[in-house]
Amino acid sequence: MTLSFLSRWTANIALLIALLFVTVGSANAELQPMNKNKYYSMQEIIGSGHNFLDKLQII
């Protein structure tokens, strides 16, 4: 039961982080028209996600 709860919690956190990246990316595209042509590769998004998760591990 605990494992199931943890995996659900992790999945929800991952989903929230993904939504956060999409939202921030859209906001940056609107706020900085000059950077509109810069597309983030999946590797960059995954990499920054891992860095964010590493910071969360401290808690």
PDB file of N, CA and C in Angstrom:
ATOM      1  N   MET A   1       0.837  -1.205   0.000  1.00  0.00           N
ATOM      2  CA  MET A   1       0.000   0.000   0.000  1.00  0.00           C
ATOM      3  C   MET A   1       0.870   1.254   0.000  1.00  0.00           C
ATOM      4  N   THR A   2       1.916   1.227   0.812  1.00  0.00           N
ATOM      5  CA  THR A   2       2.797   2.390   0.859  1.00  0.00           C
ATOM      6  C   THR A   2       3.470   2.614  -0.486  1.00  0.00           C
ATOM      7  N   LEU A   3       3.916   1.515  -1.106  1.00  0.00           N
ATOM      8  CA  LEU A   3       4.585   1.623  -2.399  1.00  0.00           C
ATOM      9  C   LEU A   3       3.636   2.204  -3.440  1.00  0.00           C
ATOM     10  N   SER A   4       2.389   1.756  -3.411  1.00  0.00           N
ATOM     11  CA  SER A   4       1.396   2.262  -4.357  1.00  0.00           C
ATOM     12  C   SER A   4       1.185   3.753  -4.147  1.00  0.00           C
ATOM     13  N   PHE A   5       1.107   4.156  -2.882  1.00  0.00           N
ATOM     14  CA  PHE A   5       0.907   5.569  -2.577  1.00  0.00           C
ATOM     15  C   PHE A   5       2.092   6.403  -3.056  1.00  0.00           C
ATOM     16  N   LEU A   6       3.297   5.893  -2.813  1.00  0.00           N
ATOM     17  CA  LEU A   6       4.499   6.621  -3.223  1.00  0.00           C
ATOM     18  C   LEU A   6       4.579   6.753  -4.734  1.00  0.00           C
ATOM     19  N   SER A   7       4.246   5.695  -5.454  1.00  0.00           N
ATOM     20  CA  SER A   7       4.333   5.762  -6.907  1.00  0.00           C
ATOM     21  C   SER A   7       3.284   6.732  -7.457  1.00  0.00           C
ATOM     22  N   ARG A   8       2.100   6.750  -6.858  1.00  0.00           N
ATOM     23  CA  ARG A   8       1.084   7.707  -7.298  1.00  0.00           C
ATOM     24  C   ARG A   8       1.546   9.130  -7.012  1.00  0.00           C
ATOM     25  N   TRP A   9       2.126   9.341  -5.822  1.00  0.00           N
ATOM     26  CA  TRP A   9       2.608  10.667  -5.433  1.00  0.00           C
ATOM     27  C   TRP A   9       3.700  11.126  -6.391  1.00  0.00           C
ATOM     28  N   THR A  10       4.629  10.218  -6.718  1.00  0.00           N
ATOM     29  CA  THR A  10       5.721  10.550  -7.632  1.00  0.00           C
ATOM     30  C   THR A  10       5.180  10.894  -9.013  1.00  0.00           C
ATOM     31  N   ALA A  11       4.212  10.126  -9.482  1.00  0.00           N
ATOM     32  CA  ALA A  11       3.629  10.385 -10.798  1.00  0.00           C
ATOM     33  C   ALA A  11       2.947  11.751 -10.819  1.00  0.00           C
ATOM     34  N   ASN A  12       2.233  12.080  -9.734  1.00  0.00           N
ATOM     35  CA  ASN A  12       1.568  13.381  -9.673  1.00  0.00           C
ATOM     36  C   ASN A  12       2.575  14.515  -9.663  1.00  0.00           C
ATOM     37  N   ILE A  13       3.658  14.352  -8.900  1.00  0.00           N
ATOM     38  CA  ILE A  13       4.690  15.383  -8.859  1.00  0.00           C
ATOM     39  C   ILE A  13       5.318  15.555 -10.239  1.00  0.00           C
ATOM     40  N   ALA A  14       5.595  14.429 -10.917  1.00  0.00           N
ATOM     41  CA  ALA A  14       6.187  14.494 -12.257  1.00  0.00           C
ATOM     42  C   ALA A  14       5.245  15.216 -13.222  1.00  0.00           C
ATOM     43  N   LEU A  15       3.960  14.946 -13.109  1.00  0.00           N
ATOM     44  CA  LEU A  15       2.980  15.597 -13.976  1.00  0.00           C
ATOM     45  C   LEU A  15       2.953  17.101 -13.706  1.00  0.00           C
ATOM     46  N   LEU A  16       2.976  17.477 -12.426  1.00  0.00           N
ATOM     47  CA  LEU A  16       2.971  18.899 -12.082  1.00  0.00           C
ATOM     48  C   LEU A  16       4.222  19.589 -12.621  1.00  0.00           C
ATOM     49  N   ILE A  17       5.366  18.923 -12.524  1.00  0.00           N
ATOM     50  CA  ILE A  17       6.612  19.513 -13.031  1.00  0.00           C
ATOM     51  C   ILE A  17       6.524  19.688 -14.547  1.00  0.00           C
ATOM     52  N   ALA A  18       5.967  18.689 -15.225  1.00  0.00           N
ATOM     53  CA  ALA A  18       5.815  18.785 -16.682  1.00  0.00           C
ATOM     54  C   ALA A  18       4.914  19.959 -17.048  1.00  0.00           C
ATOM     55  N   LEU A  19       3.794  20.099 -16.330  1.00  0.00           N
ATOM     56  CA  LEU A  19       2.895  21.222 -16.585  1.00  0.00           C
ATOM     57  C   LEU A  19       3.583  22.544 -16.297  1.00  0.00           C
ATOM     58  N   LEU A  20       4.404  22.558 -15.238  1.00  0.00           N
ATOM     59  CA  LEU A  20       5.133  23.777 -14.888  1.00  0.00           C
ATOM     60  C   LEU A  20       6.065  24.178 -16.023  1.00  0.00           C
ATOM     61  N   PHE A  21       6.799  23.203 -16.596  1.00  0.00           N
ATOM     62  CA  PHE A  21       7.712  23.514 -17.690  1.00  0.00           C
ATOM     63  C   PHE A  21       6.947  24.037 -18.900  1.00  0.00           C
ATOM     64  N   VAL A  22       5.816  23.429 -19.211  1.00  0.00           N
ATOM     65  CA  VAL A  22       5.017  23.882 -20.354  1.00  0.00           C
ATOM     66  C   VAL A  22       4.535  25.313 -20.121  1.00  0.00           C
ATOM     67  N   THR A  23       4.048  25.584 -18.900  1.00  0.00           N
ATOM     68  CA  THR A  23       3.541  26.920 -18.584  1.00  0.00           C
ATOM     69  C   THR A  23       4.652  27.957 -18.649  1.00  0.00           C
ATOM     70  N   VAL A  24       5.785  27.645 -18.030  1.00  0.00           N
ATOM     71  CA  VAL A  24       6.913  28.580 -18.040  1.00  0.00           C
ATOM     72  C   VAL A  24       7.410  28.796 -19.460  1.00  0.00           C
ATOM     73  N   GLY A  25       7.462  27.724 -20.249  1.00  0.00           N
ATOM     74  CA  GLY A  25       7.900  27.855 -21.637  1.00  0.00           C
ATOM     75  C   GLY A  25       6.975  28.755 -22.437  1.00  0.00           C
ATOM     76  N   SER A  26       5.663  28.611 -22.243  1.00  0.00           N
ATOM     77  CA  SER A  26       4.703  29.445 -22.957  1.00  0.00           C
ATOM     78  C   SER A  26       4.836  30.896 -22.514  1.00  0.00           C
ATOM     79  N   ALA A  27       4.988  31.116 -21.211  1.00  0.00           N
ATOM     80  CA  ALA A  27       5.113  32.472 -20.686  1.00  0.00           C
ATOM     81  C   ALA A  27       6.374  33.132 -21.235  1.00  0.00           C
ATOM     82  N   ASN A  28       7.484  32.383 -21.271  1.00  0.00           N
ATOM     83  CA  ASN A  28       8.725  32.938 -21.796  1.00  0.00           C
ATOM     84  C   ASN A  28       8.592  33.279 -23.269  1.00  0.00           C
ATOM     85  N   ALA A  29       7.881  32.442 -24.015  1.00  0.00           N
ATOM     86  CA  ALA A  29       7.698  32.695 -25.443  1.00  0.00           C
ATOM     87  C   ALA A  29       6.913  33.990 -25.653  1.00  0.00           C
ATOM     88  N   GLU A  30       5.941  34.246 -24.777  1.00  0.00           N
ATOM     89  CA  GLU A  30       5.139  35.457 -24.917  1.00  0.00           C
ATOM     90  C   GLU A  30       5.889  36.689 -24.418  1.00  0.00           C
ATOM     91  N   LEU A  31       6.638  36.516 -23.323  1.00  0.00           N
ATOM     92  CA  LEU A  31       7.344  37.653 -22.739  1.00  0.00           C
ATOM     93  C   LEU A  31       8.586  38.034 -23.537  1.00  0.00           C
ATOM     94  N   GLN A  32       9.213  37.058 -24.186  1.00  0.00           N
ATOM     95  CA  GLN A  32      10.441  37.326 -24.929  1.00  0.00           C
ATOM     96  C   GLN A  32      10.283  36.878 -26.373  1.00  0.00           C
ATOM     97  N   PRO A  33       9.707  37.744 -27.211  1.00  0.00           N
ATOM     98  CA  PRO A  33       9.452  37.371 -28.611  1.00  0.00           C
ATOM     99  C   PRO A  33      10.739  37.018 -29.359  1.00  0.00           C
ATOM    100  N   MET A  34      11.871  37.596 -28.935  1.00  0.00           N
ATOM    101  CA  MET A  34      13.121  37.337 -29.640  1.00  0.00           C
ATOM    102  C   MET A  34      13.560  35.888 -29.489  1.00  0.00           C
ATOM    103  N   ASN A  35      13.159  35.248 -28.395  1.00  0.00           N
ATOM    104  CA  ASN A  35      13.555  33.863 -28.149  1.00  0.00           C
ATOM    105  C   ASN A  35      12.502  32.873 -28.651  1.00  0.00           C
ATOM    106  N   LYS A  36      11.539  33.365 -29.426  1.00  0.00           N
ATOM    107  CA  LYS A  36      10.424  32.515 -29.852  1.00  0.00           C
ATOM    108  C   LYS A  36      10.916  31.345 -30.711  1.00  0.00           C
ATOM    109  N   ASN A  37      12.036  31.539 -31.411  1.00  0.00           N
ATOM    110  CA  ASN A  37      12.518  30.490 -32.301  1.00  0.00           C
ATOM    111  C   ASN A  37      13.344  29.441 -31.589  1.00  0.00           C
ATOM    112  N   LYS A  38      13.590  29.643 -30.286  1.00  0.00           N
ATOM    113  CA  LYS A  38      14.384  28.648 -29.546  1.00  0.00           C
ATOM    114  C   LYS A  38      13.456  27.556 -29.039  1.00  0.00           C
ATOM    115  N   TYR A  39      13.709  26.331 -29.497  1.00  0.00           N
ATOM    116  CA  TYR A  39      12.919  25.196 -29.032  1.00  0.00           C
ATOM    117  C   TYR A  39      13.792  24.352 -28.111  1.00  0.00           C
ATOM    118  N   TYR A  40      13.218  23.980 -26.970  1.00  0.00           N
ATOM    119  CA  TYR A  40      13.967  23.153 -26.042  1.00  0.00           C
ATOM    120  C   TYR A  40      13.886  21.697 -26.474  1.00  0.00           C
ATOM    121  N   SER A  41      15.030  21.039 -26.497  1.00  0.00           N
ATOM    122  CA  SER A  41      15.026  19.612 -26.819  1.00  0.00           C
ATOM    123  C   SER A  41      14.492  18.838 -25.621  1.00  0.00           C
ATOM    124  N   MET A  42      14.000  17.625 -25.870  1.00  0.00           N
ATOM    125  CA  MET A  42      13.468  16.803 -24.791  1.00  0.00           C
ATOM    126  C   MET A  42      14.556  16.531 -23.757  1.00  0.00           C
ATOM    127  N   GLN A  43      15.802  16.391 -24.215  1.00  0.00           N
ATOM    128  CA  GLN A  43      16.907  16.124 -23.290  1.00  0.00           C
ATOM    129  C   GLN A  43      17.091  17.284 -22.320  1.00  0.00           C
ATOM    130  N   GLU A  44      16.978  18.517 -22.812  1.00  0.00           N
ATOM    131  CA  GLU A  44      17.132  19.684 -21.937  1.00  0.00           C
ATOM    132  C   GLU A  44      16.011  19.726 -20.902  1.00  0.00           C
ATOM    133  N   ILE A  45      14.786  19.449 -21.345  1.00  0.00           N
ATOM    134  CA  ILE A  45      13.650  19.474 -20.418  1.00  0.00           C
ATOM    135  C   ILE A  45      13.804  18.389 -19.365  1.00  0.00           C
ATOM    136  N   ILE A  46      14.170  17.185 -19.809  1.00  0.00           N
ATOM    137  CA  ILE A  46      14.352  16.084 -18.859  1.00  0.00           C
ATOM    138  C   ILE A  46      15.499  16.394 -17.906  1.00  0.00           C
ATOM    139  N   GLY A  47      16.572  16.986 -18.444  1.00  0.00           N
ATOM    140  CA  GLY A  47      17.724  17.315 -17.614  1.00  0.00           C
ATOM    141  C   GLY A  47      17.371  18.318 -16.525  1.00  0.00           C
ATOM    142  N   SER A  48      16.670  19.395 -16.893  1.00  0.00           N
ATOM    143  CA  SER A  48      16.302  20.376 -15.878  1.00  0.00           C
ATOM    144  C   SER A  48      15.298  19.782 -14.899  1.00  0.00           C
ATOM    145  N   GLY A  49      14.454  18.868 -15.372  1.00  0.00           N
ATOM    146  CA  GLY A  49      13.523  18.194 -14.478  1.00  0.00           C
ATOM    147  C   GLY A  49      14.268  17.375 -13.433  1.00  0.00           C
ATOM    148  N   HIS A  50      15.319  16.682 -13.887  1.00  0.00           N
ATOM    149  CA  HIS A  50      16.104  15.881 -12.945  1.00  0.00           C
ATOM    150  C   HIS A  50      16.798  16.785 -11.933  1.00  0.00           C
ATOM    151  N   ASN A  51      17.313  17.913 -12.376  1.00  0.00           N
ATOM    152  CA  ASN A  51      17.964  18.837 -11.447  1.00  0.00           C
ATOM    153  C   ASN A  51      16.969  19.322 -10.398  1.00  0.00           C
ATOM    154  N   PHE A  52      15.750  19.605 -10.849  1.00  0.00           N
ATOM    155  CA  PHE A  52      14.706  20.065  -9.927  1.00  0.00           C
ATOM    156  C   PHE A  52      14.378  18.973  -8.914  1.00  0.00           C
ATOM    157  N   LEU A  53      14.268  17.729  -9.408  1.00  0.00           N
ATOM    158  CA  LEU A  53      13.963  16.610  -8.515  1.00  0.00           C
ATOM    159  C   LEU A  53      15.103  16.386  -7.521  1.00  0.00           C
ATOM    160  N   ASP A  54      16.350  16.579  -7.977  1.00  0.00           N
ATOM    161  CA  ASP A  54      17.486  16.423  -7.065  1.00  0.00           C
ATOM    162  C   ASP A  54      17.398  17.436  -5.935  1.00  0.00           C
ATOM    163  N   LYS A  55      16.968  18.647  -6.229  1.00  0.00           N
ATOM    164  CA  LYS A  55      16.828  19.654  -5.187  1.00  0.00           C
ATOM    165  C   LYS A  55      15.708  19.266  -4.214  1.00  0.00           C
ATOM    166  N   LEU A  56      14.662  18.638  -4.743  1.00  0.00           N
ATOM    167  CA  LEU A  56      13.553  18.216  -3.877  1.00  0.00           C
ATOM    168  C   LEU A  56      13.976  17.104  -2.929  1.00  0.00           C
ATOM    169  N   GLN A  57      15.004  16.333  -3.309  1.00  0.00           N
ATOM    170  CA  GLN A  57      15.444  15.214  -2.475  1.00  0.00           C
ATOM    171  C   GLN A  57      15.931  15.686  -1.107  1.00  0.00           C
ATOM    172  N   ILE A  58      16.347  16.955  -1.031  1.00  0.00           N
ATOM    173  CA  ILE A  58      16.853  17.491   0.241  1.00  0.00           C
ATOM    174  C   ILE A  58      15.760  17.439   1.312  1.00  0.00           C
ATOM    175  N   ILE A  59      14.529  17.689   0.894  1.00  0.00           N
ATOM    176  CA  ILE A  59      13.419  17.734   1.851  1.00  0.00           C
ATOM    177  C   ILE A  59      13.186  16.346   2.436  1.00  0.00           C
TER     178      ILE A  59
END
